[in-house]
N, C-alpha and C. Protein backbone atom coordinates (compact mmCIF):
# COMPACT_ATOMS: atom_id res chain seq x y z
N MET A 1 0.80 -1.19 0.06
CA MET A 1 -0.02 0.02 0.00
C MET A 1 0.98 1.21 -0.02
N LYS A 2 0.56 2.15 -0.81
CA LYS A 2 1.42 3.40 -0.85
C LYS A 2 1.29 4.09 0.41
N GLN A 3 2.38 4.73 0.84
CA GLN A 3 2.42 5.38 2.16
C GLN A 3 1.45 6.44 2.28
N GLN A 4 1.17 7.16 1.30
CA GLN A 4 0.18 8.37 1.35
C GLN A 4 -1.18 7.77 1.54
N VAL A 5 -1.55 6.66 1.01
CA VAL A 5 -2.93 6.09 1.19
C VAL A 5 -2.97 5.51 2.59
N TYR A 6 -1.89 4.90 3.02
CA TYR A 6 -1.90 4.45 4.43
C TYR A 6 -2.12 5.53 5.38
N ASN A 7 -1.30 6.58 5.27
CA ASN A 7 -1.41 7.76 6.12
C ASN A 7 -2.79 8.32 6.12
N PHE A 8 -3.41 8.50 4.98
CA PHE A 8 -4.72 8.97 4.85
C PHE A 8 -5.77 8.07 5.70
N LEU A 9 -5.74 6.83 5.49
CA LEU A 9 -6.68 5.93 6.16
C LEU A 9 -6.40 5.88 7.61
N LYS A 10 -5.18 6.00 8.05
CA LYS A 10 -4.88 5.99 9.47
C LYS A 10 -5.40 7.28 10.14
N SER A 11 -5.11 8.34 9.50
CA SER A 11 -5.55 9.61 9.90
C SER A 11 -7.05 9.75 10.08
N GLU A 12 -7.72 9.26 9.07
CA GLU A 12 -9.15 9.27 9.15
C GLU A 12 -9.75 8.40 10.31
N ALA A 13 -9.16 7.25 10.50
CA ALA A 13 -9.54 6.39 11.58
C ALA A 13 -9.30 7.05 12.91
N GLU A 14 -8.14 7.60 13.06
CA GLU A 14 -7.70 8.34 14.30
C GLU A 14 -8.75 9.57 14.56
N ALA A 15 -9.14 10.21 13.51
CA ALA A 15 -10.02 11.31 13.71
C ALA A 15 -11.50 10.80 14.14
N ASP A 16 -11.80 9.72 13.53
CA ASP A 16 -13.14 9.14 13.95
C ASP A 16 -13.08 8.65 15.40
N LYS A 17 -11.95 8.10 15.83
CA LYS A 17 -11.84 7.66 17.20
C LYS A 17 -11.92 8.83 18.16
N ALA A 18 -11.29 9.93 17.81
CA ALA A 18 -11.24 11.07 18.71
C ALA A 18 -12.69 11.75 18.71
N LYS A 19 -13.32 11.73 17.62
CA LYS A 19 -14.70 12.23 17.53
C LYS A 19 -15.59 11.43 18.44
N ALA A 20 -15.50 10.06 18.29
CA ALA A 20 -16.37 9.16 19.09
C ALA A 20 -16.11 9.35 20.59
N LEU A 21 -14.81 9.46 20.98
CA LEU A 21 -14.44 9.59 22.40
C LEU A 21 -14.98 10.92 22.93
N ALA A 22 -14.82 11.96 22.12
CA ALA A 22 -15.36 13.29 22.55
C ALA A 22 -16.92 13.31 22.69
N SER A 23 -17.53 12.60 21.81
CA SER A 23 -18.99 12.61 21.77
C SER A 23 -19.49 11.79 23.02
N ILE A 24 -18.89 10.58 23.32
CA ILE A 24 -19.24 9.96 24.52
C ILE A 24 -18.87 10.65 25.82
N GLU A 25 -17.84 11.37 25.82
CA GLU A 25 -17.42 12.20 26.99
C GLU A 25 -18.55 13.24 27.23
N LEU A 26 -19.00 13.90 26.12
CA LEU A 26 -20.04 14.94 26.23
C LEU A 26 -21.34 14.39 26.64
N LEU A 27 -21.68 13.24 26.12
CA LEU A 27 -22.99 12.60 26.42
C LEU A 27 -23.06 12.12 27.83
N THR A 28 -21.96 11.66 28.42
CA THR A 28 -21.92 10.98 29.70
C THR A 28 -21.62 11.98 30.87
N ASN A 29 -20.85 13.15 30.54
CA ASN A 29 -20.49 14.00 31.56
C ASN A 29 -21.13 15.44 31.63
N ASN A 30 -21.78 15.69 30.46
CA ASN A 30 -22.45 17.00 30.36
C ASN A 30 -23.82 16.87 29.92
N ALA A 31 -24.71 16.48 30.78
CA ALA A 31 -26.17 16.39 30.41
C ALA A 31 -26.74 17.57 29.84
N SER A 32 -26.25 18.74 30.33
CA SER A 32 -26.74 19.95 29.79
C SER A 32 -26.50 20.12 28.35
N GLY A 33 -25.45 19.41 27.81
CA GLY A 33 -25.15 19.56 26.39
C GLY A 33 -26.16 18.87 25.55
N ILE A 34 -27.05 18.03 26.12
CA ILE A 34 -27.96 17.27 25.34
C ILE A 34 -29.16 18.14 24.93
N GLY A 35 -29.51 19.12 25.67
CA GLY A 35 -30.56 20.07 25.30
C GLY A 35 -31.93 19.39 25.35
N ASP A 36 -32.71 19.67 24.37
CA ASP A 36 -34.16 19.27 24.27
C ASP A 36 -34.32 17.83 23.69
N HIS A 37 -33.23 17.13 23.50
CA HIS A 37 -33.32 15.81 22.83
C HIS A 37 -34.07 14.86 23.83
N SER A 38 -34.78 13.89 23.17
CA SER A 38 -35.52 12.91 23.94
C SER A 38 -34.53 11.86 24.48
N THR A 39 -35.07 11.02 25.34
CA THR A 39 -34.19 9.86 25.83
C THR A 39 -33.77 8.97 24.61
N LYS A 40 -34.65 8.77 23.66
CA LYS A 40 -34.29 7.89 22.48
C LYS A 40 -33.14 8.61 21.76
N ASP A 41 -33.16 9.86 21.61
CA ASP A 41 -32.04 10.60 20.93
C ASP A 41 -30.85 10.39 21.71
N TYR A 42 -30.83 10.43 22.97
CA TYR A 42 -29.67 10.23 23.79
C TYR A 42 -29.10 8.88 23.62
N TRP A 43 -29.93 7.81 23.70
CA TRP A 43 -29.44 6.44 23.50
C TRP A 43 -28.91 6.21 22.09
N ASP A 44 -29.70 6.79 21.08
CA ASP A 44 -29.19 6.69 19.73
C ASP A 44 -27.81 7.30 19.50
N ASN A 45 -27.63 8.51 20.19
CA ASN A 45 -26.32 9.17 20.05
C ASN A 45 -25.24 8.37 20.68
N CYS A 46 -25.48 7.78 21.80
CA CYS A 46 -24.47 6.89 22.54
C CYS A 46 -24.16 5.70 21.65
N THR A 47 -25.16 5.11 21.13
CA THR A 47 -24.93 3.90 20.29
C THR A 47 -24.14 4.27 19.00
N GLU A 48 -24.55 5.41 18.37
CA GLU A 48 -23.86 5.83 17.19
C GLU A 48 -22.34 6.11 17.54
N SER A 49 -22.09 6.81 18.62
CA SER A 49 -20.71 7.06 19.05
C SER A 49 -19.85 5.77 19.29
N LEU A 50 -20.52 4.84 19.98
CA LEU A 50 -19.86 3.55 20.25
C LEU A 50 -19.59 2.83 18.87
N LYS A 51 -20.44 2.79 18.02
CA LYS A 51 -20.28 2.16 16.65
C LYS A 51 -19.09 2.86 15.95
N LEU A 52 -19.02 4.19 15.98
CA LEU A 52 -18.00 4.95 15.38
C LEU A 52 -16.63 4.53 16.04
N LEU A 53 -16.58 4.43 17.31
CA LEU A 53 -15.41 4.13 18.04
C LEU A 53 -14.94 2.72 17.72
N ALA A 54 -15.86 1.80 17.68
CA ALA A 54 -15.40 0.36 17.40
C ALA A 54 -14.95 0.28 15.90
N SER A 55 -15.61 0.96 15.04
CA SER A 55 -15.15 0.97 13.64
C SER A 55 -13.77 1.55 13.43
N ALA A 56 -13.51 2.66 14.17
CA ALA A 56 -12.27 3.29 14.12
C ALA A 56 -11.14 2.36 14.62
N GLU A 57 -11.48 1.81 15.80
CA GLU A 57 -10.51 0.86 16.45
C GLU A 57 -10.10 -0.34 15.40
N GLU A 58 -11.25 -0.88 14.87
CA GLU A 58 -11.07 -2.04 14.00
C GLU A 58 -10.19 -1.59 12.74
N ARG A 59 -10.38 -0.46 12.23
CA ARG A 59 -9.72 0.00 11.05
C ARG A 59 -8.28 0.22 11.43
N LEU A 60 -7.98 0.78 12.62
CA LEU A 60 -6.63 0.92 13.01
C LEU A 60 -5.87 -0.37 13.17
N GLU A 61 -6.55 -1.34 13.76
CA GLU A 61 -5.96 -2.69 13.98
C GLU A 61 -5.69 -3.27 12.60
N THR A 62 -6.63 -3.19 11.66
CA THR A 62 -6.42 -3.77 10.29
C THR A 62 -5.29 -3.17 9.59
N LEU A 63 -5.22 -1.84 9.69
CA LEU A 63 -4.07 -1.27 9.02
C LEU A 63 -2.72 -1.67 9.58
N GLU A 64 -2.69 -1.77 10.98
CA GLU A 64 -1.45 -2.11 11.58
C GLU A 64 -1.05 -3.59 11.25
N LYS A 65 -2.11 -4.48 11.21
CA LYS A 65 -1.83 -5.91 10.92
C LYS A 65 -1.42 -6.16 9.55
N TYR A 66 -2.12 -5.53 8.64
CA TYR A 66 -1.90 -5.93 7.17
C TYR A 66 -1.06 -4.96 6.34
N PHE A 67 -0.96 -3.68 6.80
CA PHE A 67 -0.34 -2.68 5.94
C PHE A 67 0.75 -1.93 6.52
N LYS A 68 1.10 -2.09 7.81
CA LYS A 68 2.17 -1.29 8.46
C LYS A 68 3.49 -1.50 7.72
N GLN A 69 4.20 -0.51 7.42
CA GLN A 69 5.49 -0.61 6.66
C GLN A 69 6.60 -0.33 7.49
């Protein structure tokens, strides 16, 4: 894999990981940041953040396993 593509994919996964962790932090520690959302919105946002985190972790592991140079 060309280094430029590897770097792009890794950076994208790292950014998604950071975004997911920040979202989970906000959702769990700053209830006032939720605003007028319903409980369903809250749980949906938590689930969406967890899925993004898991996906990012999996992509980073895959890049490390198969494409690290």
